[in-house]
N, C-alpha and C. Protein backbone atom coordinates (compact mmCIF):
# COMPACT_ATOMS: atom_id res chain seq x y z
N UNK A 1 2.96 17.06 -9.13
CA UNK A 1 3.63 16.01 -9.87
C UNK A 1 2.57 15.12 -10.51
N UNK A 2 2.76 14.82 -11.77
CA UNK A 2 1.86 13.92 -12.49
C UNK A 2 2.19 12.49 -12.11
N UNK A 3 1.18 11.74 -11.67
CA UNK A 3 1.36 10.33 -11.33
C UNK A 3 0.30 9.56 -12.10
N UNK A 4 0.75 8.69 -13.03
CA UNK A 4 -0.20 7.97 -13.88
C UNK A 4 0.16 6.50 -14.00
N UNK A 5 -0.82 5.71 -14.42
CA UNK A 5 -0.61 4.27 -14.57
C UNK A 5 -0.11 3.89 -15.96
N UNK A 6 -0.15 4.80 -16.91
CA UNK A 6 0.26 4.48 -18.27
C UNK A 6 1.74 4.75 -18.48
N UNK A 7 2.24 4.33 -19.65
CA UNK A 7 3.66 4.51 -19.98
C UNK A 7 3.92 5.80 -20.73
N UNK A 8 2.86 6.42 -21.25
CA UNK A 8 3.01 7.64 -22.04
C UNK A 8 2.00 8.68 -21.60
N UNK A 9 2.31 9.93 -21.94
CA UNK A 9 1.43 11.05 -21.64
C UNK A 9 1.21 11.80 -22.95
N UNK A 10 -0.03 12.00 -23.32
CA UNK A 10 -0.35 12.70 -24.57
C UNK A 10 0.28 14.09 -24.57
N UNK A 11 0.98 14.41 -25.66
CA UNK A 11 1.58 15.72 -25.80
C UNK A 11 2.90 15.90 -25.06
N UNK A 12 3.38 14.85 -24.43
CA UNK A 12 4.63 14.92 -23.66
C UNK A 12 5.57 13.81 -24.14
N UNK A 13 6.85 14.06 -23.95
CA UNK A 13 7.82 12.99 -24.21
C UNK A 13 8.75 12.90 -23.00
N UNK A 14 9.30 11.72 -22.81
CA UNK A 14 10.22 11.50 -21.71
C UNK A 14 11.59 12.03 -22.12
N UNK A 15 12.04 13.07 -21.44
CA UNK A 15 13.37 13.62 -21.69
C UNK A 15 14.44 12.81 -20.98
N UNK A 16 14.09 12.34 -19.75
CA UNK A 16 15.05 11.59 -18.97
C UNK A 16 14.31 10.59 -18.08
N UNK A 17 14.79 9.36 -18.06
CA UNK A 17 14.28 8.34 -17.15
C UNK A 17 15.22 8.27 -15.97
N UNK A 18 14.69 8.51 -14.78
CA UNK A 18 15.52 8.57 -13.58
C UNK A 18 15.58 7.25 -12.83
N UNK A 19 14.65 6.37 -13.10
CA UNK A 19 14.66 5.05 -12.47
C UNK A 19 13.45 4.79 -11.61
N UNK A 20 13.50 3.65 -10.95
CA UNK A 20 12.38 3.25 -10.11
C UNK A 20 12.31 4.11 -8.85
N UNK A 21 11.09 4.30 -8.39
CA UNK A 21 10.88 4.99 -7.13
C UNK A 21 9.71 4.29 -6.43
N UNK A 22 9.65 4.44 -5.13
CA UNK A 22 8.61 3.75 -4.38
C UNK A 22 8.29 4.48 -3.09
N UNK A 23 7.16 4.14 -2.53
CA UNK A 23 6.73 4.61 -1.22
C UNK A 23 6.17 3.42 -0.47
N UNK A 24 6.60 3.20 0.75
CA UNK A 24 6.19 2.04 1.55
C UNK A 24 5.51 2.51 2.83
N UNK A 25 4.42 1.83 3.17
CA UNK A 25 3.72 2.09 4.43
C UNK A 25 3.35 0.74 5.05
N UNK A 26 3.56 0.61 6.34
CA UNK A 26 3.11 -0.57 7.08
C UNK A 26 2.13 -0.08 8.13
N UNK A 27 0.94 -0.66 8.11
CA UNK A 27 -0.12 -0.23 9.02
C UNK A 27 -0.67 -1.41 9.80
N UNK A 28 -1.16 -1.10 10.98
CA UNK A 28 -1.82 -2.09 11.82
C UNK A 28 -3.07 -1.46 12.40
N UNK A 29 -4.14 -2.21 12.44
CA UNK A 29 -5.35 -1.74 13.11
C UNK A 29 -5.15 -1.87 14.60
N UNK A 30 -5.68 -0.94 15.34
CA UNK A 30 -5.64 -1.03 16.79
C UNK A 30 -6.57 -2.13 17.27
N UNK A 31 -6.50 -2.43 18.53
CA UNK A 31 -7.33 -3.52 19.07
C UNK A 31 -8.82 -3.23 18.90
N UNK A 32 -9.21 -1.95 19.03
CA UNK A 32 -10.62 -1.60 18.85
C UNK A 32 -11.07 -1.83 17.41
N UNK A 33 -10.23 -1.44 16.46
CA UNK A 33 -10.56 -1.66 15.05
C UNK A 33 -10.62 -3.13 14.70
N UNK A 34 -9.70 -3.91 15.25
CA UNK A 34 -9.71 -5.36 14.99
C UNK A 34 -10.95 -6.01 15.58
N UNK A 35 -11.34 -5.57 16.77
CA UNK A 35 -12.53 -6.13 17.41
C UNK A 35 -13.78 -5.79 16.60
N UNK A 36 -13.92 -4.53 16.18
CA UNK A 36 -15.08 -4.12 15.39
C UNK A 36 -15.10 -4.86 14.06
N UNK A 37 -13.94 -4.99 13.42
CA UNK A 37 -13.88 -5.70 12.14
C UNK A 37 -14.22 -7.17 12.32
N UNK A 38 -13.74 -7.78 13.41
CA UNK A 38 -14.05 -9.18 13.68
C UNK A 38 -15.54 -9.41 13.87
N UNK A 39 -16.19 -8.52 14.60
CA UNK A 39 -17.63 -8.64 14.80
C UNK A 39 -18.38 -8.44 13.49
N UNK A 40 -17.93 -7.48 12.68
CA UNK A 40 -18.60 -7.21 11.41
C UNK A 40 -18.43 -8.40 10.45
N UNK A 41 -17.31 -9.09 10.54
CA UNK A 41 -17.07 -10.22 9.64
C UNK A 41 -18.02 -11.39 9.92
N UNK A 42 -18.59 -11.43 11.12
CA UNK A 42 -19.53 -12.49 11.45
C UNK A 42 -20.82 -12.39 10.66
N UNK A 43 -21.23 -11.16 10.33
CA UNK A 43 -22.49 -10.98 9.60
C UNK A 43 -22.27 -10.79 8.11
N UNK A 44 -21.03 -10.62 7.69
CA UNK A 44 -20.74 -10.47 6.26
C UNK A 44 -20.80 -9.03 5.83
N UNK A 45 -20.40 -8.78 4.59
CA UNK A 45 -20.40 -7.44 4.03
C UNK A 45 -19.04 -6.79 4.12
N UNK A 46 -19.01 -5.53 3.73
CA UNK A 46 -17.76 -4.78 3.72
C UNK A 46 -17.25 -4.54 5.13
N UNK A 47 -15.96 -4.70 5.31
CA UNK A 47 -15.32 -4.40 6.60
C UNK A 47 -14.79 -2.97 6.49
N UNK A 48 -15.62 -2.02 6.88
CA UNK A 48 -15.34 -0.61 6.69
C UNK A 48 -14.04 -0.19 7.37
N UNK A 49 -13.76 -0.74 8.54
CA UNK A 49 -12.55 -0.38 9.28
C UNK A 49 -11.29 -0.69 8.46
N UNK A 50 -11.28 -1.84 7.81
CA UNK A 50 -10.11 -2.21 6.99
C UNK A 50 -10.08 -1.45 5.68
N UNK A 51 -11.23 -1.19 5.10
CA UNK A 51 -11.28 -0.42 3.86
C UNK A 51 -10.69 0.97 4.09
N UNK A 52 -11.09 1.62 5.16
CA UNK A 52 -10.57 2.95 5.47
C UNK A 52 -9.07 2.91 5.73
N UNK A 53 -8.61 1.89 6.46
CA UNK A 53 -7.19 1.78 6.75
C UNK A 53 -6.38 1.62 5.46
N UNK A 54 -6.85 0.78 4.55
CA UNK A 54 -6.11 0.54 3.31
C UNK A 54 -6.17 1.75 2.38
N UNK A 55 -7.29 2.46 2.35
CA UNK A 55 -7.36 3.69 1.54
C UNK A 55 -6.36 4.72 2.04
N UNK A 56 -6.30 4.90 3.36
CA UNK A 56 -5.34 5.85 3.94
C UNK A 56 -3.90 5.40 3.68
N UNK A 57 -3.65 4.12 3.79
CA UNK A 57 -2.30 3.60 3.56
C UNK A 57 -1.88 3.81 2.11
N UNK A 58 -2.79 3.60 1.15
CA UNK A 58 -2.47 3.83 -0.26
C UNK A 58 -2.13 5.30 -0.51
N UNK A 59 -2.94 6.18 0.05
CA UNK A 59 -2.67 7.62 -0.11
C UNK A 59 -1.32 7.99 0.49
N UNK A 60 -1.03 7.45 1.65
CA UNK A 60 0.25 7.72 2.32
C UNK A 60 1.41 7.18 1.49
N UNK A 61 1.25 5.98 0.93
CA UNK A 61 2.30 5.38 0.10
C UNK A 61 2.54 6.23 -1.16
N UNK A 62 1.47 6.75 -1.77
CA UNK A 62 1.63 7.60 -2.95
C UNK A 62 2.32 8.91 -2.57
N UNK A 63 1.98 9.47 -1.42
CA UNK A 63 2.66 10.69 -0.96
C UNK A 63 4.16 10.44 -0.82
N UNK A 64 4.53 9.31 -0.25
CA UNK A 64 5.95 8.98 -0.10
C UNK A 64 6.61 8.73 -1.46
N UNK A 65 5.88 8.10 -2.36
CA UNK A 65 6.37 7.88 -3.72
C UNK A 65 6.68 9.21 -4.40
N UNK A 66 5.76 10.16 -4.31
CA UNK A 66 5.95 11.48 -4.91
C UNK A 66 7.15 12.19 -4.27
N UNK A 67 7.26 12.11 -2.96
CA UNK A 67 8.41 12.73 -2.28
C UNK A 67 9.73 12.15 -2.78
N UNK A 68 9.79 10.83 -2.91
CA UNK A 68 11.02 10.18 -3.37
C UNK A 68 11.33 10.56 -4.82
N UNK A 69 10.31 10.62 -5.67
CA UNK A 69 10.54 11.00 -7.07
C UNK A 69 11.01 12.44 -7.17
N UNK A 70 10.45 13.32 -6.36
CA UNK A 70 10.87 14.72 -6.36
C UNK A 70 12.34 14.84 -5.94
N UNK A 71 12.76 14.07 -4.96
CA UNK A 71 14.16 14.08 -4.54
C UNK A 71 15.09 13.62 -5.67
N UNK A 72 14.56 12.78 -6.56
CA UNK A 72 15.34 12.30 -7.70
C UNK A 72 15.38 13.33 -8.83
N UNK A 73 14.53 14.37 -8.74
CA UNK A 73 14.48 15.38 -9.78
C UNK A 73 13.39 15.15 -10.81
N UNK A 74 12.46 14.27 -10.53
CA UNK A 74 11.39 13.94 -11.48
C UNK A 74 10.28 14.99 -11.44
N UNK A 75 9.55 15.09 -12.56
CA UNK A 75 8.34 15.89 -12.58
C UNK A 75 7.12 15.02 -12.88
N UNK A 76 7.35 13.70 -13.01
CA UNK A 76 6.25 12.77 -13.25
C UNK A 76 6.66 11.36 -12.84
N UNK A 77 5.64 10.55 -12.57
CA UNK A 77 5.85 9.13 -12.29
C UNK A 77 4.95 8.36 -13.25
N UNK A 78 5.55 7.49 -14.02
CA UNK A 78 4.81 6.67 -14.98
C UNK A 78 4.65 5.26 -14.44
N UNK A 79 3.70 4.54 -14.96
CA UNK A 79 3.40 3.13 -14.63
C UNK A 79 3.21 2.89 -13.13
N UNK A 80 2.43 3.75 -12.49
CA UNK A 80 2.12 3.57 -11.07
C UNK A 80 1.48 2.20 -10.84
N UNK A 81 1.97 1.51 -9.83
CA UNK A 81 1.42 0.23 -9.42
C UNK A 81 1.40 0.17 -7.89
N UNK A 82 0.57 -0.72 -7.38
CA UNK A 82 0.51 -0.98 -5.95
C UNK A 82 0.78 -2.45 -5.70
N UNK A 83 1.36 -2.73 -4.56
CA UNK A 83 1.54 -4.11 -4.11
C UNK A 83 1.20 -4.10 -2.63
N UNK A 84 0.72 -5.21 -2.14
CA UNK A 84 0.42 -5.29 -0.71
C UNK A 84 0.73 -6.69 -0.21
N UNK A 85 1.00 -6.76 1.07
CA UNK A 85 1.24 -8.06 1.70
C UNK A 85 0.91 -7.94 3.18
N UNK A 86 0.79 -9.08 3.80
CA UNK A 86 0.51 -9.14 5.23
C UNK A 86 1.81 -9.43 5.96
N UNK A 87 1.98 -8.78 7.09
CA UNK A 87 3.11 -9.05 7.97
C UNK A 87 2.50 -9.54 9.27
N UNK A 88 2.70 -10.79 9.56
CA UNK A 88 2.03 -11.37 10.72
C UNK A 88 0.53 -11.41 10.47
N UNK A 89 -0.24 -11.34 11.51
CA UNK A 89 -1.69 -11.39 11.36
C UNK A 89 -2.35 -10.04 11.57
N UNK A 90 -1.55 -9.02 11.90
CA UNK A 90 -2.17 -7.74 12.25
C UNK A 90 -1.68 -6.56 11.42
N UNK A 91 -0.68 -6.78 10.56
CA UNK A 91 -0.11 -5.65 9.83
C UNK A 91 -0.22 -5.85 8.32
N UNK A 92 -0.40 -4.75 7.62
CA UNK A 92 -0.44 -4.75 6.16
C UNK A 92 0.64 -3.81 5.64
N UNK A 93 1.35 -4.27 4.62
CA UNK A 93 2.35 -3.44 3.95
C UNK A 93 1.76 -3.04 2.60
N UNK A 94 1.81 -1.75 2.30
CA UNK A 94 1.36 -1.22 1.02
C UNK A 94 2.56 -0.55 0.37
N UNK A 95 2.84 -0.91 -0.88
CA UNK A 95 3.93 -0.32 -1.63
C UNK A 95 3.35 0.31 -2.89
N UNK A 96 3.65 1.58 -3.12
CA UNK A 96 3.33 2.26 -4.37
C UNK A 96 4.65 2.42 -5.11
N UNK A 97 4.68 2.03 -6.38
CA UNK A 97 5.94 2.15 -7.12
C UNK A 97 5.69 2.53 -8.57
N UNK A 98 6.70 3.07 -9.20
CA UNK A 98 6.60 3.48 -10.59
C UNK A 98 7.96 3.91 -11.09
N UNK A 99 7.96 4.56 -12.26
CA UNK A 99 9.19 5.03 -12.88
C UNK A 99 9.23 6.54 -12.80
N UNK A 100 10.26 7.07 -12.17
CA UNK A 100 10.44 8.52 -12.07
C UNK A 100 11.05 9.03 -13.38
N UNK A 101 10.41 10.05 -13.96
CA UNK A 101 10.87 10.60 -15.24
C UNK A 101 10.81 12.11 -15.22
N UNK A 102 11.50 12.70 -16.20
CA UNK A 102 11.35 14.12 -16.49
C UNK A 102 10.65 14.21 -17.84
N UNK A 103 9.46 14.81 -17.82
CA UNK A 103 8.68 15.00 -19.06
C UNK A 103 8.90 16.40 -19.59
N UNK A 104 8.73 16.53 -20.91
CA UNK A 104 8.75 17.84 -21.56
C UNK A 104 7.75 17.80 -22.71
N UNK A 105 7.26 18.96 -23.13
CA UNK A 105 6.30 18.98 -24.25
C UNK A 105 6.92 18.35 -25.49
N UNK A 106 6.11 17.59 -26.21
CA UNK A 106 6.59 16.92 -27.45
C UNK A 106 6.80 17.92 -28.56
């Protein structure tokens, strides 16, 4: 499935717009990851533990987005966007969303 951030695809036209679709993931670092990240934050620099967690969460959210779009009958997702928020002090919510469409050659 084609997943892009733009509204158009060269050489393709939107035959049908199926609507919004999304994939949601909520993640929490374990106590070991929080402890390591807390210690690393004392000296500054990248917090690798959180970077890895958020990269994995984004990939997981996109996988869910693609699954949802496929269930709608889409062959592409246009205008991919991400949103994130904190839930409490230990959890992060990542949402991948876009427009599910059926593309065909122009």
